Every structure is written in structure tokens, then in C-alpha cells.
Amino acid sequence: MSKRLIEFVELGGYPDLSPIYKELGYEVETPYTARKAVSAIKKRKPDVIVGEFNYQSEFRDRISNLESVTAAVAHMSDVRIIVLYQPEEQAIFETFKQRFPAIEAVAQPIDIETMRSILQ
């Protein structure tokens, strides 16, 4: 059985990482909304989730788009979560990371070799 990776993309703007995922043996699903990502997680547990940190000041009760996704895997301790974030959002991202300390963070621009080594 192949490893499963969900790449949660809302904004993009970084290199296509799917060749690396496939090279490392991941079956990839790419939902484009948090709701679709949560639905995909509920259908079949992923091994890894790669998501973008998207801070939106109009969110009233959350910091980012990823909170519903991380909540969906809260009971799945063996699911790795890798978050891609913009350096200019690092301060608010650190607040998010305090809530979810197990996530792995990668600053943009994404270095392909860094992603490869994190996923191996």
C-alpha cells in the first residue's frame, strides 16, 4: 500500500512539489479548500499533510485556514503535518505553532531539497 499525502493548496505561488511526492512514493491528493481537505482526511487517513499557512485577519475564532485541518487529525498522532509559511507572517505563525507544536515548518520560498529531506 502506498503512502498517502494531502497537499492543501489555497494560494500556491511556490514550485510544484508533486514530482518529489511521487518520487518518494506518495499517492497525492490536492484539495483547494479547508473543507475539502477535512473531507479527504475523513475518507482515508493520510500519512502526511502539507498545507499553506494563510493568515486572515477577518477570522474571528482562529488564526489561519489550517486550524480545521489540524483539528481533523488531532486524534491521529502518527500523521505528519508540514506547514509552508511566508516569512513576513512568521510572528503570527509562531502563535499558531504554539497551539500545534508537532507541526513541521518550512519558510517560503520553498527549497526543493529541504522538502525532499523532510519527507524522506
Protein backbone atom coordinates (compact mmCIF):
# COMPACT_ATOMS: atom_id res chain seq x y z
CA MET A 1 0.00 0.00 0.00
CA SER A 2 1.38 3.43 -0.93
CA LYS A 3 1.84 6.30 1.45
CA ARG A 4 -0.83 8.99 1.25
CA LEU A 5 -0.14 12.72 1.17
CA ILE A 6 -2.69 15.51 1.16
CA GLU A 7 -1.34 18.79 -0.21
CA PHE A 8 -3.73 21.52 0.90
CA VAL A 9 -3.25 24.40 -1.55
CA GLU A 10 -5.14 27.69 -1.40
CA LEU A 11 -2.72 30.32 -2.64
CA GLY A 12 0.16 28.49 -4.30
CA GLY A 13 3.00 30.63 -5.57
CA TYR A 14 5.71 28.06 -4.93
CA PRO A 15 7.17 25.28 -7.09
CA ASP A 16 5.07 22.24 -7.92
CA LEU A 17 6.14 19.71 -5.31
CA SER A 18 4.19 16.76 -6.73
CA PRO A 19 7.24 15.28 -8.55
CA ILE A 20 9.04 15.00 -5.19
CA TYR A 21 5.99 13.46 -3.54
CA LYS A 22 5.65 10.88 -6.29
CA GLU A 23 9.40 10.18 -6.34
CA LEU A 24 9.19 9.36 -2.64
CA GLY A 25 6.26 7.01 -3.15
CA TYR A 26 3.34 9.16 -2.06
CA GLU A 27 -0.13 8.96 -3.53
CA VAL A 28 -1.11 12.66 -3.67
CA GLU A 29 -4.48 14.34 -3.27
CA THR A 30 -4.71 18.13 -3.65
CA PRO A 31 -7.87 19.75 -2.24
CA TYR A 32 -8.16 23.52 -2.69
CA THR A 33 -10.27 24.40 0.36
CA ALA A 34 -10.05 23.54 4.05
CA ARG A 35 -13.46 21.90 3.90
CA LYS A 36 -12.37 19.60 1.05
CA ALA A 37 -9.13 18.79 2.89
CA VAL A 38 -11.07 17.78 6.02
CA SER A 39 -13.39 15.66 3.88
CA ALA A 40 -10.39 13.92 2.27
CA ILE A 41 -8.86 13.26 5.71
CA LYS A 42 -12.10 11.72 6.96
CA LYS A 43 -12.41 9.45 3.91
CA ARG A 44 -8.94 8.00 4.26
CA LYS A 45 -6.26 8.86 6.78
CA PRO A 46 -3.15 10.46 5.24
CA ASP A 47 0.43 9.80 6.28
CA VAL A 48 1.41 13.42 5.62
CA ILE A 49 -0.41 16.72 5.19
CA VAL A 50 1.37 19.62 3.51
CA GLY A 51 -0.52 22.88 3.90
CA GLU A 52 -0.09 26.58 3.47
CA PHE A 53 -0.40 28.90 6.43
CA ASN A 54 -2.87 31.54 5.30
CA TYR A 55 -3.40 34.18 7.97
CA GLN A 56 -6.63 36.10 7.55
CA SER A 57 -7.36 38.92 9.98
CA GLU A 58 -11.11 38.51 9.46
CA PHE A 59 -11.11 35.04 11.05
CA ARG A 60 -12.85 35.62 14.36
CA ASP A 61 -12.10 32.45 16.28
CA ARG A 62 -8.99 31.15 14.55
CA ILE A 63 -5.62 32.29 13.31
CA SER A 64 -5.50 30.51 9.99
CA ASN A 65 -7.08 28.27 7.41
CA LEU A 66 -5.20 25.27 8.82
CA GLU A 67 -6.94 25.04 12.18
CA SER A 68 -9.88 23.00 10.91
CA VAL A 69 -7.45 20.72 9.07
CA THR A 70 -5.26 20.21 12.15
CA ALA A 71 -8.37 19.59 14.27
CA ALA A 72 -9.41 16.83 11.86
CA VAL A 73 -6.18 14.93 12.57
CA ALA A 74 -5.83 15.79 16.26
CA HIS A 75 -6.61 12.20 17.27
CA MET A 76 -4.25 10.77 14.62
CA SER A 77 -0.87 11.13 16.33
CA ASP A 78 1.08 9.49 13.50
CA VAL A 79 0.03 11.96 10.79
CA ARG A 80 2.83 14.38 9.95
CA ILE A 81 1.86 17.98 9.24
CA ILE A 82 4.21 20.19 7.24
CA VAL A 83 3.26 23.86 7.03
CA LEU A 84 4.55 26.26 4.39
CA TYR A 85 4.55 29.88 5.55
CA GLN A 86 5.57 33.32 4.33
CA PRO A 87 8.47 34.86 6.32
CA GLU A 88 6.53 38.12 6.75
CA GLU A 89 3.88 36.14 8.66
CA GLN A 90 6.40 34.45 10.97
CA ALA A 91 5.26 36.24 14.16
CA ILE A 92 1.61 35.22 13.76
CA PHE A 93 2.72 31.79 12.51
CA GLU A 94 4.63 31.27 15.79
CA THR A 95 1.35 31.84 17.67
CA PHE A 96 -0.26 29.14 15.51
CA LYS A 97 2.69 26.82 16.07
CA GLN A 98 2.34 27.16 19.86
CA ARG A 99 -1.15 25.66 19.52
CA PHE A 100 0.13 22.84 17.29
CA PRO A 101 3.74 22.20 18.37
CA ALA A 102 4.11 18.93 16.44
CA ILE A 103 3.91 20.60 13.03
CA GLU A 104 6.99 20.96 10.88
CA ALA A 105 7.52 24.39 9.33
CA VAL A 106 9.11 25.40 6.04
CA ALA A 107 9.54 29.07 5.14
CA GLN A 108 8.85 30.20 1.60
CA PRO A 109 10.43 30.35 -0.91
CA ILE A 110 10.44 26.59 -0.76
CA ASP A 111 13.76 24.88 -1.23
CA ILE A 112 13.15 21.64 -3.14
CA GLU A 113 15.98 19.76 -1.42
CA THR A 114 14.73 20.82 2.02
CA MET A 115 11.29 19.43 1.20
CA ARG A 116 12.81 16.22 -0.11
CA SER A 117 14.85 15.70 3.08
CA ILE A 118 11.87 16.47 5.35
CA LEU A 119 9.71 13.92 3.52
CA GLN A 120 12.28 11.10 3.44
